[in-house]
Amino acid sequence: MITAAKAFFLIISALFPIVDPISGSPLFLALTPQLSAETRRALAWRVALDCFWVMIVSYFVGAKVLAFFGVSLPVVQVGGGLIVISIGWTMLSQKDSPPGAVQKNLPQVDVFQRAFYPLTMPLTVGPGSISVAVTLGANSAHHYGHHILVIVAAVLAIVFIALTVFLCYAFANALARFLGETGMAIIVRLSAFLLICIGVQILWNGASALLSAVVFHAG
């Protein structure tokens, strides 16, 4: 039981700061403009479910899937970092809507097509989260094997993180009302800049690992 509790809190303490749905809620709002509260909650629920499955797969079979395709974690970090940088730059460079402008709602089908990309990956569960989940799962399998309580604890921890994603995204409009249009514009710009920085860090982590594996021979 103590082992399961340790596994539960380890997963939360390792994954929650990286997923960070609180900081992600302004980005979620910026990418879902003019949606009704009901549609936004439904979309937040879809994103939370997608996050749950991505983390579950990464934790339990991520290492085996990457090994099967011959892909290393540093390569995932490099590719994911480039995507995060691209999305952050797009958000940072987009122009603000003029005062009083009204944006047309996207059809509901189009809105939910964006649930997995980019709202789930890479904005919520990105390369950093995936690499951490894969590492945690591999370490747990190595130390505890198929211990049923540890497996249940891991699933419950991931459920907890997914629920926090839903709550933060579903009620992100409350944050928008509190900050106002100007405050939200500032938060979105700062979040986009931080997103670029995070992407650069992810890219650098992967590139550094790849470069460190290169062996140079003196001619």
Protein backbone atom coordinates (compact mmCIF):
# COMPACT_ATOMS: atom_id res chain seq x y z
CA MET A 1 0.00 0.00 0.00
CA ILE A 2 2.85 2.38 0.85
CA THR A 3 4.51 1.54 -2.46
CA ALA A 4 1.30 2.37 -4.34
CA ALA A 5 0.95 5.67 -2.47
CA LYS A 6 4.54 6.56 -3.34
CA ALA A 7 3.89 5.76 -7.01
CA PHE A 8 0.71 7.87 -6.96
CA PHE A 9 2.39 11.00 -5.57
CA LEU A 10 5.50 10.50 -7.67
CA ILE A 11 3.49 10.53 -10.90
CA ILE A 12 1.50 13.60 -9.86
CA SER A 13 4.58 15.52 -8.69
CA ALA A 14 6.45 14.68 -11.90
CA LEU A 15 3.70 15.17 -14.49
CA PHE A 16 1.46 17.92 -13.10
CA PRO A 17 4.07 20.74 -13.25
CA ILE A 18 4.85 19.82 -16.88
CA VAL A 19 1.23 19.50 -18.02
CA ASP A 20 0.45 22.67 -16.02
CA PRO A 21 -3.20 23.15 -17.04
CA ILE A 22 -3.44 26.39 -15.04
CA SER A 23 -0.93 28.13 -17.29
CA GLY A 24 -2.44 26.43 -20.33
CA SER A 25 -5.94 27.81 -19.79
CA PRO A 26 -5.22 31.24 -21.40
CA LEU A 27 -3.81 29.44 -24.45
CA PHE A 28 -6.91 27.25 -24.56
CA LEU A 29 -9.06 30.39 -24.57
CA ALA A 30 -6.94 32.02 -27.27
CA LEU A 31 -7.35 29.01 -29.55
CA THR A 32 -11.11 28.70 -28.95
CA PRO A 33 -12.39 32.24 -29.55
CA GLN A 34 -16.07 33.09 -29.26
CA LEU A 35 -17.15 29.59 -28.25
CA SER A 36 -20.15 29.26 -25.99
CA ALA A 37 -19.52 28.11 -22.42
CA GLU A 38 -21.28 24.81 -23.15
CA THR A 39 -19.19 24.10 -26.25
CA ARG A 40 -15.99 25.07 -24.42
CA ARG A 41 -16.79 22.66 -21.58
CA ALA A 42 -17.48 19.87 -24.06
CA LEU A 43 -14.22 20.61 -25.84
CA ALA A 44 -12.36 20.72 -22.51
CA TRP A 45 -13.78 17.30 -21.65
CA ARG A 46 -12.59 15.91 -25.00
CA VAL A 47 -9.11 17.37 -24.45
CA ALA A 48 -9.00 15.91 -20.92
CA LEU A 49 -9.94 12.44 -22.27
CA ASP A 50 -7.29 12.70 -24.99
CA CYS A 51 -4.71 13.73 -22.38
CA PHE A 52 -5.67 10.75 -20.24
CA TRP A 53 -5.18 8.27 -23.07
CA VAL A 54 -1.93 9.83 -24.24
CA MET A 55 -0.48 9.66 -20.71
CA ILE A 56 -1.79 6.13 -20.14
CA VAL A 57 -0.28 4.84 -23.39
CA SER A 58 2.97 6.70 -22.75
CA TYR A 59 3.23 5.32 -19.22
CA PHE A 60 2.40 1.69 -19.88
CA VAL A 61 3.57 0.99 -23.43
CA GLY A 62 5.40 4.14 -24.55
CA ALA A 63 8.88 2.69 -24.22
CA LYS A 64 7.92 -0.45 -26.15
CA VAL A 65 6.24 1.53 -28.95
CA LEU A 66 9.26 3.79 -29.41
CA ALA A 67 11.59 0.78 -29.37
CA PHE A 68 9.43 -0.99 -31.97
CA PHE A 69 9.70 1.93 -34.38
CA GLY A 70 13.32 2.56 -33.53
CA VAL A 71 12.60 6.07 -32.23
CA SER A 72 14.45 7.42 -29.22
CA LEU A 73 13.14 9.90 -26.67
CA PRO A 74 15.61 12.61 -27.78
CA VAL A 75 14.21 12.40 -31.31
CA VAL A 76 10.67 12.82 -29.92
CA GLN A 77 11.87 15.84 -27.97
CA VAL A 78 13.46 17.46 -31.02
CA GLY A 79 10.37 16.95 -33.20
CA GLY A 80 7.97 18.03 -30.48
CA GLY A 81 10.08 21.05 -29.59
CA LEU A 82 9.93 22.27 -33.19
CA ILE A 83 6.12 21.95 -33.18
CA VAL A 84 5.80 23.81 -29.87
CA ILE A 85 8.03 26.62 -31.17
CA SER A 86 5.95 26.88 -34.33
CA ILE A 87 2.64 27.15 -32.45
CA GLY A 88 4.06 29.64 -29.96
CA TRP A 89 5.44 31.83 -32.76
CA THR A 90 2.10 31.76 -34.60
CA MET A 91 0.26 32.89 -31.48
CA LEU A 92 2.86 35.54 -30.67
CA SER A 93 2.81 37.07 -34.14
CA GLN A 94 -0.93 37.03 -34.78
CA LYS A 95 -2.67 40.41 -34.77
CA ASP A 96 -5.24 41.34 -32.18
CA SER A 97 -8.81 41.62 -33.38
CA PRO A 98 -9.96 45.25 -33.65
CA PRO A 99 -12.32 46.46 -30.93
CA GLY A 100 -15.89 45.39 -31.59
CA ALA A 101 -14.88 42.77 -34.15
CA VAL A 102 -16.99 39.65 -34.11
CA GLN A 103 -15.47 36.31 -35.01
CA LYS A 104 -17.67 33.63 -36.49
CA ASN A 105 -17.93 30.44 -34.53
CA LEU A 106 -16.36 27.43 -36.12
CA PRO A 107 -18.74 24.57 -36.85
CA GLN A 108 -18.85 22.18 -33.92
CA VAL A 109 -17.26 19.40 -36.01
CA ASP A 110 -14.28 21.65 -36.83
CA VAL A 111 -13.90 22.62 -33.17
CA PHE A 112 -13.67 19.03 -31.99
CA GLN A 113 -11.27 18.17 -34.80
CA ARG A 114 -8.83 20.51 -33.08
CA ALA A 115 -9.19 18.73 -29.73
CA PHE A 116 -6.27 16.38 -30.24
CA TYR A 117 -4.04 18.67 -32.30
CA PRO A 118 -3.04 21.22 -31.20
CA LEU A 119 -5.05 21.44 -27.95
CA THR A 120 -4.04 18.08 -26.52
CA MET A 121 -0.72 17.67 -28.30
CA PRO A 122 1.52 19.53 -27.98
CA LEU A 123 -0.09 22.34 -25.94
CA THR A 124 -1.28 20.25 -22.98
CA VAL A 125 0.57 16.94 -23.17
CA GLY A 126 3.73 17.64 -25.12
CA PRO A 127 7.06 15.90 -25.65
CA GLY A 128 8.16 16.75 -22.12
CA SER A 129 5.11 15.12 -20.55
CA ILE A 130 5.38 12.10 -22.82
CA SER A 131 9.07 11.57 -22.11
CA VAL A 132 8.48 11.84 -18.36
CA ALA A 133 5.52 9.42 -18.52
CA VAL A 134 7.54 6.93 -20.58
CA THR A 135 10.44 7.15 -18.12
CA LEU A 136 8.18 6.74 -15.09
CA GLY A 137 6.46 3.74 -16.64
CA ALA A 138 9.74 2.07 -17.57
CA ASN A 139 11.16 2.62 -14.07
CA SER A 140 7.99 1.34 -12.41
CA ALA A 141 7.97 -1.83 -14.53
CA HIS A 142 11.64 -2.38 -13.73
CA HIS A 143 11.28 -1.93 -9.95
CA TYR A 144 7.77 -3.26 -9.23
CA GLY A 145 6.88 -5.43 -12.20
CA HIS A 146 3.13 -5.90 -12.68
CA HIS A 147 2.15 -5.01 -9.10
CA ILE A 148 -1.62 -4.48 -9.26
CA LEU A 149 -1.75 -1.76 -6.59
CA VAL A 150 1.01 0.21 -8.30
CA ILE A 151 -0.84 -0.06 -11.61
CA VAL A 152 -4.08 1.16 -10.00
CA ALA A 153 -2.21 4.03 -8.32
CA ALA A 154 -0.70 5.06 -11.66
CA VAL A 155 -4.10 5.08 -13.37
CA LEU A 156 -5.65 7.11 -10.53
CA ALA A 157 -2.82 9.65 -10.67
CA ILE A 158 -3.31 10.11 -14.41
CA VAL A 159 -7.08 10.42 -13.90
CA PHE A 160 -6.42 13.17 -11.36
CA ILE A 161 -4.23 15.11 -13.79
CA ALA A 162 -6.80 14.73 -16.59
CA LEU A 163 -9.54 16.06 -14.29
CA THR A 164 -7.45 19.13 -13.47
CA VAL A 165 -7.07 19.72 -17.21
CA PHE A 166 -10.85 19.60 -17.63
CA LEU A 167 -11.54 21.94 -14.71
CA CYS A 168 -8.94 24.52 -15.73
CA TYR A 169 -10.01 24.55 -19.38
CA ALA A 170 -13.77 24.27 -18.85
CA PHE A 171 -13.83 27.30 -16.56
CA ALA A 172 -11.09 29.31 -18.27
CA ASN A 173 -13.70 31.90 -19.24
CA ALA A 174 -13.98 32.86 -15.55
CA LEU A 175 -10.31 33.85 -15.70
CA ALA A 176 -11.02 35.85 -18.86
CA ARG A 177 -13.84 37.77 -17.17
CA PHE A 178 -11.62 38.54 -14.22
CA LEU A 179 -8.69 39.81 -16.32
CA GLY A 180 -10.67 41.58 -19.05
CA GLU A 181 -9.72 41.85 -22.74
CA THR A 182 -6.48 43.77 -22.15
CA GLY A 183 -5.34 41.48 -19.38
CA MET A 184 -6.09 38.38 -21.43
CA ALA A 185 -4.21 39.80 -24.42
CA ILE A 186 -1.16 40.35 -22.20
CA ILE A 187 -1.44 36.87 -20.67
CA VAL A 188 -1.77 35.23 -24.09
CA ARG A 189 1.26 37.08 -25.44
CA LEU A 190 3.34 36.16 -22.39
CA SER A 191 2.13 32.57 -22.54
CA ALA A 192 3.00 32.37 -26.24
CA PHE A 193 6.51 33.68 -25.53
CA LEU A 194 6.93 31.16 -22.72
CA LEU A 195 5.66 28.46 -25.08
CA ILE A 196 8.44 29.34 -27.52
CA CYS A 197 10.97 29.19 -24.68
CA ILE A 198 9.63 25.81 -23.57
CA GLY A 199 9.86 24.56 -27.14
CA VAL A 200 13.46 25.72 -27.39
CA GLN A 201 14.27 23.99 -24.09
CA ILE A 202 12.63 20.74 -25.23
CA LEU A 203 14.47 20.95 -28.55
CA TRP A 204 17.77 21.63 -26.79
CA ASN A 205 17.28 18.73 -24.37
CA GLY A 206 16.74 16.34 -27.26
CA ALA A 207 19.53 17.80 -29.39
CA SER A 208 21.98 17.69 -26.48
CA ALA A 209 21.20 14.03 -25.85
CA LEU A 210 21.65 13.22 -29.55
CA LEU A 211 24.92 15.17 -29.79
CA SER A 212 26.29 13.54 -26.65
CA ALA A 213 25.77 10.14 -28.28
CA VAL A 214 27.90 11.10 -31.28
CA VAL A 215 31.41 9.71 -31.09
CA PHE A 216 34.07 11.74 -32.83
CA HIS A 217 37.16 9.95 -33.99
CA ALA A 218 40.39 11.83 -34.50
CA GLY A 219 41.57 11.60 -38.10
